[in-house]
N, C-alpha and C. Protein backbone atom coordinates (compact mmCIF):
# COMPACT_ATOMS: atom_id res chain seq x y z
N UNK A 1 -12.92 -21.58 -39.25
CA UNK A 1 -13.97 -21.44 -38.22
C UNK A 1 -13.58 -22.29 -36.97
N UNK A 2 -13.08 -23.56 -37.27
CA UNK A 2 -12.64 -24.43 -36.15
C UNK A 2 -11.50 -23.78 -35.40
N UNK A 3 -10.64 -23.18 -36.15
CA UNK A 3 -9.44 -22.51 -35.59
C UNK A 3 -9.86 -21.37 -34.63
N UNK A 4 -10.88 -20.66 -35.02
CA UNK A 4 -11.38 -19.54 -34.27
C UNK A 4 -12.01 -20.04 -33.09
N UNK A 5 -12.83 -21.04 -33.11
CA UNK A 5 -13.40 -21.58 -31.85
C UNK A 5 -12.40 -22.16 -30.95
N UNK A 6 -11.28 -22.73 -31.52
CA UNK A 6 -10.24 -23.37 -30.69
C UNK A 6 -9.60 -22.28 -29.94
N UNK A 7 -9.23 -21.13 -30.58
CA UNK A 7 -8.58 -20.04 -29.84
C UNK A 7 -9.56 -19.42 -28.84
N UNK A 8 -10.78 -19.35 -29.13
CA UNK A 8 -11.76 -18.81 -28.12
C UNK A 8 -11.85 -19.71 -26.91
N UNK A 9 -11.79 -21.06 -27.22
CA UNK A 9 -11.82 -21.96 -26.05
C UNK A 9 -10.59 -21.87 -25.18
N UNK A 10 -9.51 -21.68 -25.81
CA UNK A 10 -8.22 -21.52 -25.08
C UNK A 10 -8.19 -20.28 -24.30
N UNK A 11 -8.79 -19.21 -24.87
CA UNK A 11 -8.87 -17.87 -24.08
C UNK A 11 -9.84 -18.11 -22.93
N UNK A 12 -10.91 -18.79 -23.09
CA UNK A 12 -11.83 -19.01 -22.05
C UNK A 12 -11.26 -19.83 -20.91
N UNK A 13 -10.49 -20.83 -21.29
CA UNK A 13 -9.81 -21.70 -20.27
C UNK A 13 -8.80 -20.93 -19.51
N UNK A 14 -7.97 -20.14 -20.28
CA UNK A 14 -7.00 -19.31 -19.63
C UNK A 14 -7.59 -18.36 -18.66
N UNK A 15 -8.78 -17.75 -18.99
CA UNK A 15 -9.46 -16.79 -18.12
C UNK A 15 -9.92 -17.48 -16.91
N UNK A 16 -10.52 -18.66 -17.00
CA UNK A 16 -11.00 -19.44 -15.90
C UNK A 16 -9.87 -19.76 -14.95
N UNK A 17 -8.77 -20.14 -15.50
CA UNK A 17 -7.53 -20.54 -14.66
C UNK A 17 -7.02 -19.29 -13.90
N UNK A 18 -7.01 -18.20 -14.54
CA UNK A 18 -6.62 -16.97 -13.93
C UNK A 18 -7.43 -16.58 -12.76
N UNK A 19 -8.78 -16.71 -12.98
CA UNK A 19 -9.71 -16.38 -11.92
C UNK A 19 -9.62 -17.30 -10.71
N UNK A 20 -9.27 -18.55 -11.03
CA UNK A 20 -9.20 -19.52 -9.92
C UNK A 20 -7.88 -19.39 -9.13
N UNK A 21 -6.88 -18.85 -9.81
CA UNK A 21 -5.53 -18.73 -9.14
C UNK A 21 -5.09 -17.37 -8.72
N UNK A 22 -5.76 -16.32 -9.24
CA UNK A 22 -5.45 -14.94 -8.85
C UNK A 22 -6.66 -14.18 -8.47
N UNK A 23 -6.51 -13.26 -7.49
CA UNK A 23 -7.50 -12.34 -7.12
C UNK A 23 -7.47 -11.14 -8.00
N UNK A 24 -8.40 -11.03 -8.95
CA UNK A 24 -8.39 -10.04 -10.07
C UNK A 24 -9.34 -8.89 -9.90
N UNK A 25 -9.99 -8.79 -8.75
CA UNK A 25 -10.92 -7.81 -8.51
C UNK A 25 -10.45 -6.59 -7.76
N UNK A 26 -9.13 -6.45 -7.58
CA UNK A 26 -8.60 -5.24 -6.90
C UNK A 26 -8.99 -3.97 -7.77
N UNK A 27 -9.53 -2.99 -7.01
CA UNK A 27 -9.95 -1.83 -7.69
C UNK A 27 -8.81 -0.72 -7.66
N UNK A 28 -8.59 -0.13 -8.84
CA UNK A 28 -7.65 1.02 -8.94
C UNK A 28 -8.11 2.18 -8.10
N UNK A 29 -9.46 2.39 -8.05
CA UNK A 29 -9.98 3.57 -7.34
C UNK A 29 -9.61 3.45 -5.86
N UNK A 30 -9.48 2.28 -5.24
CA UNK A 30 -9.16 2.09 -3.86
C UNK A 30 -7.70 2.63 -3.60
N UNK A 31 -6.87 2.48 -4.67
CA UNK A 31 -5.48 2.97 -4.51
C UNK A 31 -5.46 4.49 -4.60
N UNK A 32 -6.47 5.07 -5.35
CA UNK A 32 -6.47 6.50 -5.46
C UNK A 32 -6.90 7.07 -4.12
N UNK A 33 -7.95 6.49 -3.52
CA UNK A 33 -8.46 6.96 -2.20
C UNK A 33 -7.43 6.87 -1.16
N UNK A 34 -6.65 5.68 -1.13
CA UNK A 34 -5.64 5.46 -0.17
C UNK A 34 -4.50 6.49 -0.32
N UNK A 35 -4.18 6.78 -1.55
CA UNK A 35 -3.16 7.87 -1.79
C UNK A 35 -3.54 9.25 -1.40
N UNK A 36 -4.83 9.58 -1.59
CA UNK A 36 -5.32 10.91 -1.14
C UNK A 36 -5.32 10.97 0.39
N UNK A 37 -5.75 9.83 1.04
CA UNK A 37 -5.72 9.84 2.47
C UNK A 37 -4.32 9.94 3.03
N UNK A 38 -3.38 9.34 2.30
CA UNK A 38 -1.91 9.44 2.84
C UNK A 38 -1.50 10.83 2.68
N UNK A 39 -1.80 11.51 1.60
CA UNK A 39 -1.29 12.88 1.36
C UNK A 39 -1.92 13.81 2.32
N UNK A 40 -3.19 13.69 2.60
CA UNK A 40 -3.88 14.49 3.68
C UNK A 40 -3.26 14.21 5.00
N UNK A 41 -2.97 12.98 5.32
CA UNK A 41 -2.34 12.66 6.61
C UNK A 41 -0.97 13.19 6.72
N UNK A 42 -0.19 13.17 5.69
CA UNK A 42 1.21 13.66 5.67
C UNK A 42 1.16 15.22 5.87
N UNK A 43 0.19 15.89 5.14
CA UNK A 43 0.03 17.33 5.30
C UNK A 43 -0.31 17.69 6.77
N UNK A 44 -1.20 16.89 7.39
CA UNK A 44 -1.66 17.21 8.69
C UNK A 44 -0.47 16.93 9.69
N UNK A 45 0.34 15.93 9.48
CA UNK A 45 1.50 15.65 10.30
C UNK A 45 2.49 16.81 10.20
N UNK A 46 2.63 17.30 9.06
CA UNK A 46 3.63 18.43 8.81
C UNK A 46 3.14 19.62 9.72
N UNK A 47 1.90 19.96 9.65
CA UNK A 47 1.42 21.00 10.42
C UNK A 47 1.47 20.82 11.84
N UNK A 48 1.28 19.57 12.28
CA UNK A 48 1.48 19.19 13.70
C UNK A 48 2.85 19.53 14.16
N UNK A 49 3.82 19.15 13.36
CA UNK A 49 5.20 19.45 13.67
C UNK A 49 5.49 20.95 13.84
N UNK A 50 4.85 21.71 12.83
CA UNK A 50 5.03 23.14 12.92
C UNK A 50 4.46 23.69 14.18
N UNK A 51 3.27 23.18 14.54
CA UNK A 51 2.52 23.55 15.72
C UNK A 51 3.36 23.32 17.04
N UNK A 52 4.13 22.24 17.00
CA UNK A 52 4.88 21.80 18.16
C UNK A 52 6.28 22.50 18.08
N UNK A 53 6.56 23.30 17.05
CA UNK A 53 7.82 23.92 17.02
C UNK A 53 8.98 23.04 16.50
N UNK A 54 8.61 21.97 15.88
CA UNK A 54 9.61 20.86 15.42
C UNK A 54 9.95 21.15 13.97
N UNK A 55 11.24 21.18 13.67
CA UNK A 55 11.68 21.25 12.31
C UNK A 55 12.01 19.85 11.92
N UNK A 56 11.09 19.19 11.30
CA UNK A 56 11.26 17.75 10.97
C UNK A 56 12.48 17.45 10.08
N UNK A 57 12.83 18.47 9.24
CA UNK A 57 13.87 18.25 8.31
C UNK A 57 15.27 18.37 8.95
N UNK A 58 15.38 18.47 10.32
CA UNK A 58 16.52 18.48 10.94
C UNK A 58 17.08 17.00 11.22
N UNK A 59 16.21 16.05 10.93
CA UNK A 59 16.55 14.62 10.93
C UNK A 59 16.60 14.02 12.32
N UNK A 60 17.71 13.36 12.68
CA UNK A 60 17.71 12.65 13.96
C UNK A 60 17.84 13.35 15.16
N UNK A 61 17.87 14.69 15.09
CA UNK A 61 17.91 15.55 16.29
C UNK A 61 16.53 15.79 16.93
N UNK A 62 15.56 15.29 16.18
CA UNK A 62 14.19 15.50 16.69
C UNK A 62 13.87 14.44 17.76
N UNK A 63 13.09 14.92 18.79
CA UNK A 63 12.65 13.98 19.85
C UNK A 63 11.14 14.22 20.01
N UNK A 64 10.30 13.19 19.92
CA UNK A 64 8.90 13.38 19.98
C UNK A 64 8.45 12.87 21.40
N UNK A 65 7.64 13.79 22.03
CA UNK A 65 7.10 13.41 23.33
C UNK A 65 5.96 12.42 23.26
N UNK A 66 5.60 11.84 24.37
CA UNK A 66 4.54 10.82 24.36
C UNK A 66 3.16 11.24 23.71
N UNK A 67 2.80 12.50 24.02
CA UNK A 67 1.52 12.97 23.50
C UNK A 67 1.60 13.14 21.94
N UNK A 68 2.72 13.60 21.44
CA UNK A 68 2.88 13.75 20.05
C UNK A 68 2.93 12.40 19.32
N UNK A 69 3.60 11.39 19.96
CA UNK A 69 3.72 10.08 19.38
C UNK A 69 2.27 9.50 19.30
N UNK A 70 1.50 9.68 20.37
CA UNK A 70 0.07 9.05 20.36
C UNK A 70 -0.72 9.73 19.24
N UNK A 71 -0.52 11.03 19.01
CA UNK A 71 -1.26 11.77 17.95
C UNK A 71 -0.85 11.28 16.54
N UNK A 72 0.47 10.99 16.40
CA UNK A 72 0.99 10.52 15.09
C UNK A 72 0.45 9.08 14.94
N UNK A 73 0.49 8.25 15.87
CA UNK A 73 -0.07 6.86 15.81
C UNK A 73 -1.49 6.93 15.38
N UNK A 74 -2.30 7.93 15.98
CA UNK A 74 -3.67 7.98 15.68
C UNK A 74 -3.89 8.36 14.24
N UNK A 75 -3.13 9.31 13.79
CA UNK A 75 -3.20 9.78 12.32
C UNK A 75 -2.90 8.53 11.40
N UNK A 76 -1.83 7.81 11.73
CA UNK A 76 -1.58 6.58 10.93
C UNK A 76 -2.63 5.56 10.98
N UNK A 77 -3.28 5.45 12.14
CA UNK A 77 -4.39 4.49 12.25
C UNK A 77 -5.53 4.86 11.36
N UNK A 78 -5.87 6.15 11.41
CA UNK A 78 -7.05 6.66 10.51
C UNK A 78 -6.66 6.49 9.13
N UNK A 79 -5.43 6.81 8.71
CA UNK A 79 -5.09 6.54 7.21
C UNK A 79 -5.31 5.05 6.88
N UNK A 80 -4.76 4.18 7.74
CA UNK A 80 -4.80 2.76 7.42
C UNK A 80 -6.25 2.32 7.45
N UNK A 81 -7.04 2.70 8.30
CA UNK A 81 -8.45 2.39 8.35
C UNK A 81 -9.19 2.85 7.05
N UNK A 82 -8.87 4.09 6.60
CA UNK A 82 -9.48 4.60 5.44
C UNK A 82 -9.11 3.84 4.23
N UNK A 83 -7.82 3.41 4.17
CA UNK A 83 -7.29 2.69 3.01
C UNK A 83 -7.96 1.32 2.96
N UNK A 84 -8.06 0.66 4.11
CA UNK A 84 -8.70 -0.64 4.13
C UNK A 84 -10.18 -0.59 3.81
N UNK A 85 -10.86 0.36 4.37
CA UNK A 85 -12.30 0.47 4.14
C UNK A 85 -12.60 0.79 2.73
N UNK A 86 -11.88 1.74 2.15
CA UNK A 86 -12.05 2.05 0.69
C UNK A 86 -11.75 0.90 -0.22
N UNK A 87 -10.67 0.15 0.17
CA UNK A 87 -10.20 -0.97 -0.60
C UNK A 87 -11.31 -2.02 -0.63
N UNK A 88 -11.92 -2.24 0.49
CA UNK A 88 -12.97 -3.26 0.66
C UNK A 88 -14.25 -2.86 -0.13
N UNK A 89 -14.61 -1.59 -0.02
CA UNK A 89 -15.83 -1.11 -0.73
C UNK A 89 -15.69 -1.21 -2.27
N UNK A 90 -14.60 -0.66 -2.73
CA UNK A 90 -14.39 -0.59 -4.16
C UNK A 90 -14.17 -2.01 -4.72
N UNK A 91 -13.39 -2.78 -4.00
CA UNK A 91 -13.17 -4.22 -4.49
C UNK A 91 -14.44 -5.02 -4.43
N UNK A 92 -15.20 -4.80 -3.40
CA UNK A 92 -16.48 -5.58 -3.34
C UNK A 92 -17.42 -5.22 -4.46
N UNK A 93 -17.49 -3.97 -4.80
CA UNK A 93 -18.34 -3.46 -5.89
C UNK A 93 -17.86 -4.10 -7.21
N UNK A 94 -16.56 -4.09 -7.41
CA UNK A 94 -16.03 -4.60 -8.67
C UNK A 94 -16.27 -6.08 -8.77
N UNK A 95 -16.12 -6.84 -7.65
CA UNK A 95 -16.34 -8.22 -7.60
C UNK A 95 -17.83 -8.57 -7.97
N UNK A 96 -18.68 -7.73 -7.41
CA UNK A 96 -20.13 -7.94 -7.67
C UNK A 96 -20.49 -7.73 -9.13
N UNK A 97 -19.89 -6.72 -9.73
CA UNK A 97 -20.17 -6.41 -11.12
C UNK A 97 -19.61 -7.55 -12.04
N UNK A 98 -18.53 -8.14 -11.64
CA UNK A 98 -17.87 -9.25 -12.45
C UNK A 98 -18.51 -10.58 -12.09
N UNK A 99 -19.27 -10.58 -11.06
CA UNK A 99 -19.93 -11.95 -10.67
C UNK A 99 -18.85 -12.78 -9.96
N UNK A 100 -17.93 -12.25 -9.30
CA UNK A 100 -16.89 -13.05 -8.63
C UNK A 100 -17.02 -12.96 -7.12
N UNK A 101 -16.52 -13.98 -6.45
CA UNK A 101 -16.56 -13.99 -4.98
C UNK A 101 -15.37 -13.18 -4.53
N UNK A 102 -15.66 -12.35 -3.40
CA UNK A 102 -14.59 -11.57 -2.86
C UNK A 102 -13.85 -12.42 -1.89
N UNK A 103 -14.37 -13.42 -1.27
CA UNK A 103 -13.75 -14.24 -0.21
C UNK A 103 -13.70 -15.65 -0.72
N UNK A 104 -12.51 -16.15 -1.05
CA UNK A 104 -12.30 -17.56 -1.44
C UNK A 104 -10.95 -17.97 -1.11
N UNK A 105 -10.61 -19.14 -1.58
CA UNK A 105 -9.28 -19.68 -1.31
C UNK A 105 -8.12 -18.79 -1.79
N UNK A 106 -8.30 -18.21 -2.94
CA UNK A 106 -7.30 -17.34 -3.52
C UNK A 106 -7.13 -16.09 -2.67
N UNK A 107 -8.30 -15.50 -2.24
CA UNK A 107 -8.15 -14.31 -1.33
C UNK A 107 -7.42 -14.66 -0.02
N UNK A 108 -7.70 -15.79 0.53
CA UNK A 108 -6.97 -16.26 1.75
C UNK A 108 -5.50 -16.32 1.52
N UNK A 109 -5.12 -16.90 0.36
CA UNK A 109 -3.69 -17.03 0.14
C UNK A 109 -3.07 -15.68 -0.16
N UNK A 110 -3.76 -14.80 -0.78
CA UNK A 110 -3.30 -13.45 -1.05
C UNK A 110 -3.02 -12.76 0.24
N UNK A 111 -3.99 -12.75 1.17
CA UNK A 111 -3.86 -12.04 2.46
C UNK A 111 -2.81 -12.59 3.28
N UNK A 112 -2.66 -13.95 3.23
CA UNK A 112 -1.61 -14.56 4.06
C UNK A 112 -0.21 -14.21 3.53
N UNK A 113 -0.06 -14.20 2.23
CA UNK A 113 1.26 -13.81 1.58
C UNK A 113 1.53 -12.39 1.88
N UNK A 114 0.54 -11.53 1.80
CA UNK A 114 0.73 -10.11 1.99
C UNK A 114 1.01 -9.74 3.41
N UNK A 115 0.38 -10.48 4.35
CA UNK A 115 0.44 -10.23 5.72
C UNK A 115 1.83 -10.46 6.37
N UNK A 116 2.48 -11.56 5.99
CA UNK A 116 3.76 -11.88 6.60
C UNK A 116 4.77 -10.77 6.63
N UNK A 117 5.15 -10.24 5.50
CA UNK A 117 6.18 -9.10 5.53
C UNK A 117 5.50 -7.83 6.14
N UNK A 118 4.18 -7.64 6.03
CA UNK A 118 3.53 -6.47 6.52
C UNK A 118 3.52 -6.41 8.08
N UNK A 119 3.14 -7.57 8.63
CA UNK A 119 3.18 -7.67 10.11
C UNK A 119 4.65 -7.64 10.66
N UNK A 120 5.56 -8.27 9.96
CA UNK A 120 6.91 -8.22 10.30
C UNK A 120 7.37 -6.77 10.34
N UNK A 121 7.07 -6.06 9.28
CA UNK A 121 7.48 -4.62 9.23
C UNK A 121 6.81 -3.77 10.34
N UNK A 122 5.56 -4.10 10.57
CA UNK A 122 4.81 -3.40 11.66
C UNK A 122 5.49 -3.59 13.02
N UNK A 123 5.86 -4.76 13.34
CA UNK A 123 6.55 -5.08 14.62
C UNK A 123 7.89 -4.31 14.69
N UNK A 124 8.61 -4.38 13.52
CA UNK A 124 9.94 -3.71 13.43
C UNK A 124 9.76 -2.23 13.69
N UNK A 125 8.74 -1.64 13.09
CA UNK A 125 8.45 -0.15 13.30
C UNK A 125 8.01 0.16 14.66
N UNK A 126 7.33 -0.78 15.33
CA UNK A 126 6.95 -0.59 16.79
C UNK A 126 8.26 -0.52 17.62
N UNK A 127 9.21 -1.41 17.26
CA UNK A 127 10.49 -1.46 17.99
C UNK A 127 11.25 -0.12 17.81
N UNK A 128 11.18 0.35 16.60
CA UNK A 128 11.89 1.64 16.34
C UNK A 128 11.17 2.71 17.12
N UNK A 129 9.86 2.69 17.17
CA UNK A 129 9.12 3.71 17.92
C UNK A 129 9.48 3.61 19.43
N UNK A 130 9.51 2.33 19.95
CA UNK A 130 9.82 2.11 21.31
C UNK A 130 11.21 2.71 21.66
N UNK A 131 12.17 2.57 20.78
CA UNK A 131 13.56 3.10 21.06
C UNK A 131 13.79 4.52 20.58
N UNK A 132 12.63 5.24 20.23
CA UNK A 132 12.74 6.63 19.75
C UNK A 132 13.58 6.82 18.56
N UNK A 133 13.66 5.85 17.62
CA UNK A 133 14.39 5.91 16.40
C UNK A 133 13.35 6.34 15.29
N UNK A 134 12.79 7.54 15.45
CA UNK A 134 11.67 7.90 14.64
C UNK A 134 12.06 8.09 13.13
N UNK A 135 13.28 8.55 12.88
CA UNK A 135 13.59 8.91 11.52
C UNK A 135 13.77 7.63 10.63
N UNK A 136 13.82 6.44 11.22
CA UNK A 136 13.96 5.20 10.52
C UNK A 136 12.56 4.63 10.12
N UNK A 137 11.57 5.09 10.73
CA UNK A 137 10.22 4.55 10.53
C UNK A 137 9.66 4.66 9.16
N UNK A 138 9.78 5.78 8.59
CA UNK A 138 9.25 6.08 7.20
C UNK A 138 9.97 5.13 6.21
N UNK A 139 11.28 5.04 6.21
CA UNK A 139 12.00 4.15 5.30
C UNK A 139 11.49 2.69 5.48
N UNK A 140 11.42 2.31 6.77
CA UNK A 140 11.04 0.95 7.07
C UNK A 140 9.63 0.54 6.60
N UNK A 141 8.68 1.53 6.72
CA UNK A 141 7.37 1.27 6.24
C UNK A 141 7.29 1.11 4.71
N UNK A 142 8.04 1.89 4.01
CA UNK A 142 8.06 1.79 2.58
C UNK A 142 8.73 0.55 2.11
N UNK A 143 9.82 0.11 2.75
CA UNK A 143 10.47 -1.11 2.35
C UNK A 143 9.66 -2.35 2.63
N UNK A 144 9.13 -2.46 3.83
CA UNK A 144 8.31 -3.65 4.11
C UNK A 144 7.04 -3.74 3.33
N UNK A 145 6.46 -2.59 3.13
CA UNK A 145 5.21 -2.52 2.32
C UNK A 145 5.50 -2.97 0.87
N UNK A 146 6.60 -2.51 0.41
CA UNK A 146 6.97 -2.88 -1.04
C UNK A 146 7.26 -4.34 -1.07
N UNK A 147 7.97 -4.89 -0.03
CA UNK A 147 8.17 -6.40 -0.06
C UNK A 147 6.81 -7.14 0.02
N UNK A 148 5.89 -6.63 0.74
CA UNK A 148 4.51 -7.31 0.83
C UNK A 148 3.87 -7.29 -0.54
N UNK A 149 3.94 -6.18 -1.16
CA UNK A 149 3.31 -6.11 -2.50
C UNK A 149 3.88 -7.00 -3.55
N UNK A 150 5.23 -7.14 -3.52
CA UNK A 150 5.88 -7.98 -4.48
C UNK A 150 5.61 -9.38 -4.18
N UNK A 151 5.51 -9.74 -2.86
CA UNK A 151 5.10 -11.12 -2.41
C UNK A 151 3.71 -11.47 -2.86
N UNK A 152 2.80 -10.47 -2.78
CA UNK A 152 1.42 -10.71 -3.10
C UNK A 152 1.15 -10.86 -4.61
N UNK A 153 2.02 -10.46 -5.40
CA UNK A 153 1.76 -10.46 -6.86
C UNK A 153 1.49 -11.80 -7.41
N UNK A 154 1.88 -12.86 -6.72
CA UNK A 154 1.62 -14.23 -7.10
C UNK A 154 0.20 -14.52 -7.18
N UNK A 155 -0.60 -13.85 -6.29
CA UNK A 155 -2.02 -14.19 -6.17
C UNK A 155 -2.95 -13.04 -6.67
N UNK A 156 -2.43 -12.00 -7.28
CA UNK A 156 -3.27 -10.97 -7.77
C UNK A 156 -2.82 -10.36 -9.07
N UNK A 157 -3.20 -9.16 -9.38
CA UNK A 157 -2.74 -8.56 -10.67
C UNK A 157 -1.28 -8.42 -10.70
N UNK A 158 -0.60 -8.85 -11.77
CA UNK A 158 0.86 -8.84 -11.81
C UNK A 158 1.45 -7.39 -11.76
N UNK A 159 0.66 -6.47 -12.12
CA UNK A 159 1.14 -5.13 -12.15
C UNK A 159 1.47 -4.55 -10.69
N UNK A 160 0.93 -5.22 -9.67
CA UNK A 160 1.12 -4.74 -8.38
C UNK A 160 2.61 -4.75 -7.98
N UNK A 161 3.32 -5.64 -8.63
CA UNK A 161 4.82 -5.83 -8.18
C UNK A 161 5.60 -4.56 -8.56
N UNK A 162 5.13 -3.90 -9.66
CA UNK A 162 5.85 -2.70 -9.98
C UNK A 162 5.71 -1.58 -8.88
N UNK A 163 4.50 -1.50 -8.36
CA UNK A 163 4.29 -0.58 -7.26
C UNK A 163 5.20 -0.97 -6.08
N UNK A 164 5.29 -2.30 -5.90
CA UNK A 164 6.18 -2.82 -4.83
C UNK A 164 7.58 -2.44 -5.01
N UNK A 165 8.07 -2.62 -6.24
CA UNK A 165 9.48 -2.24 -6.57
C UNK A 165 9.69 -0.74 -6.31
N UNK A 166 8.78 0.09 -6.75
CA UNK A 166 8.98 1.48 -6.51
C UNK A 166 9.01 1.89 -5.08
N UNK A 167 8.14 1.17 -4.25
CA UNK A 167 8.14 1.50 -2.84
C UNK A 167 9.51 1.01 -2.20
N UNK A 168 10.04 -0.08 -2.58
CA UNK A 168 11.21 -0.57 -2.01
C UNK A 168 12.41 0.34 -2.36
N UNK A 169 12.53 0.76 -3.59
CA UNK A 169 13.55 1.68 -4.07
C UNK A 169 13.43 3.06 -3.36
N UNK A 170 12.21 3.51 -3.23
CA UNK A 170 12.08 4.75 -2.54
C UNK A 170 12.44 4.69 -1.05
N UNK A 171 12.09 3.54 -0.42
CA UNK A 171 12.46 3.37 0.90
C UNK A 171 14.02 3.29 1.10
N UNK A 172 14.61 2.64 0.18
CA UNK A 172 16.09 2.45 0.25
C UNK A 172 16.77 3.85 0.08
N UNK A 173 16.23 4.56 -0.86
CA UNK A 173 16.85 5.98 -1.16
C UNK A 173 16.61 6.83 0.12
N UNK A 174 15.47 6.71 0.71
CA UNK A 174 15.11 7.61 1.93
C UNK A 174 16.03 7.30 3.08
N UNK A 175 16.67 6.13 3.08
CA UNK A 175 17.59 5.83 4.17
C UNK A 175 18.80 6.78 4.17
N UNK A 176 19.05 7.34 3.03
CA UNK A 176 20.17 8.34 2.96
C UNK A 176 19.75 9.78 3.12
N UNK A 177 18.51 9.95 3.38
CA UNK A 177 17.89 11.27 3.51
C UNK A 177 16.92 11.30 4.73
N UNK A 178 17.43 10.83 5.84
CA UNK A 178 16.61 10.50 7.03
C UNK A 178 15.70 11.76 7.42
N UNK A 179 16.21 12.94 7.30
CA UNK A 179 15.34 14.07 7.63
C UNK A 179 14.21 14.36 6.76
N UNK A 180 14.14 13.66 5.63
CA UNK A 180 13.11 13.89 4.68
C UNK A 180 12.15 12.72 4.56
N UNK A 181 12.00 11.94 5.62
CA UNK A 181 11.23 10.70 5.65
C UNK A 181 9.74 11.02 5.35
N UNK A 182 9.22 12.07 5.90
CA UNK A 182 7.88 12.42 5.66
C UNK A 182 7.57 12.61 4.15
N UNK A 183 8.43 13.38 3.55
CA UNK A 183 8.31 13.58 2.09
C UNK A 183 8.37 12.35 1.30
N UNK A 184 9.27 11.45 1.57
CA UNK A 184 9.37 10.11 0.87
C UNK A 184 8.09 9.29 1.16
N UNK A 185 7.67 9.33 2.45
CA UNK A 185 6.47 8.64 2.77
C UNK A 185 5.30 9.12 2.04
N UNK A 186 5.14 10.44 1.86
CA UNK A 186 3.98 11.01 1.10
C UNK A 186 4.17 10.66 -0.33
N UNK A 187 5.33 10.63 -0.93
CA UNK A 187 5.47 10.19 -2.29
C UNK A 187 5.00 8.71 -2.45
N UNK A 188 5.55 7.86 -1.51
CA UNK A 188 5.38 6.48 -1.68
C UNK A 188 3.93 6.10 -1.46
N UNK A 189 3.39 6.42 -0.32
CA UNK A 189 2.02 6.01 0.03
C UNK A 189 0.90 6.96 -0.61
N UNK A 190 1.38 8.17 -0.98
CA UNK A 190 0.37 9.04 -1.54
C UNK A 190 0.52 9.14 -3.07
N UNK A 191 1.47 9.76 -3.56
CA UNK A 191 1.55 9.98 -5.01
C UNK A 191 1.64 8.66 -5.85
N UNK A 192 2.48 7.70 -5.43
CA UNK A 192 2.54 6.40 -6.14
C UNK A 192 1.23 5.66 -6.16
N UNK A 193 0.54 5.71 -4.99
CA UNK A 193 -0.79 5.00 -4.88
C UNK A 193 -1.81 5.61 -5.91
N UNK A 194 -1.82 6.92 -5.95
CA UNK A 194 -2.71 7.61 -6.86
C UNK A 194 -2.42 7.29 -8.32
N UNK A 195 -1.06 7.36 -8.66
CA UNK A 195 -0.69 7.09 -10.11
C UNK A 195 -1.06 5.61 -10.40
N UNK A 196 -0.63 4.74 -9.58
CA UNK A 196 -0.90 3.33 -9.72
C UNK A 196 -2.38 3.01 -9.84
N UNK A 197 -3.17 3.63 -8.97
CA UNK A 197 -4.63 3.41 -8.92
C UNK A 197 -5.26 3.96 -10.20
N UNK A 198 -4.80 5.04 -10.78
CA UNK A 198 -5.44 5.55 -11.97
C UNK A 198 -5.14 4.72 -13.18
N UNK A 199 -3.84 4.17 -13.19
CA UNK A 199 -3.42 3.34 -14.27
C UNK A 199 -4.24 2.04 -14.25
N UNK A 200 -4.37 1.45 -13.01
CA UNK A 200 -5.02 0.18 -12.91
C UNK A 200 -6.53 0.34 -13.26
N UNK A 201 -7.13 1.46 -12.83
CA UNK A 201 -8.51 1.68 -13.13
C UNK A 201 -8.81 1.77 -14.56
N UNK A 202 -7.83 2.48 -15.26
CA UNK A 202 -8.04 2.55 -16.74
C UNK A 202 -7.77 1.23 -17.45
N UNK A 203 -6.79 0.38 -16.88
CA UNK A 203 -6.44 -0.81 -17.58
C UNK A 203 -7.36 -1.95 -17.33
N UNK A 204 -7.91 -2.09 -16.08
CA UNK A 204 -8.83 -3.14 -15.67
C UNK A 204 -10.18 -2.70 -15.33
N UNK A 205 -10.82 -1.86 -16.13
CA UNK A 205 -12.19 -1.36 -15.91
C UNK A 205 -13.16 -2.58 -15.93
């Protein structure tokens, strides 16, 4: 009996330590929504290219005019906003159900760790956009996003690093298939997010 209580106490202490050092309220459903938004966005971008008479799969021979670039940036912004909003809503609901705070010292550390490679990658992609090196943007977003996920693993669910590794590998592979960046981007931000989200939702209900 004493041994059973001892193990229960250890489990309780371990759980408390994990809650204090890791943000464990990330919702898998937010990943699913983000993935669906990315797939819809990628599909829309493909039809925009078709509308403009651009064969995206010709690779670095493509040149995008200012109006098209603005439209693509707008699409990316909408996808990002949708992902952030859904992430906040689902995570807030999960935190409320578990009786956990959504904003504390751990959350701040998580966001800071996640933001450094993400902001760095964002500036890098803006530079690529400025120099009209469009075919390099998709690989760069995947790689820097993957690095951000791996970095953030220290302060949240450990499984997130596997999504990060997949994004990095996918980004590196896409460097050798520059004309197919949109496809790789859709797989990384769309399909992988959905698969990861469903797995996490089932595992951490």
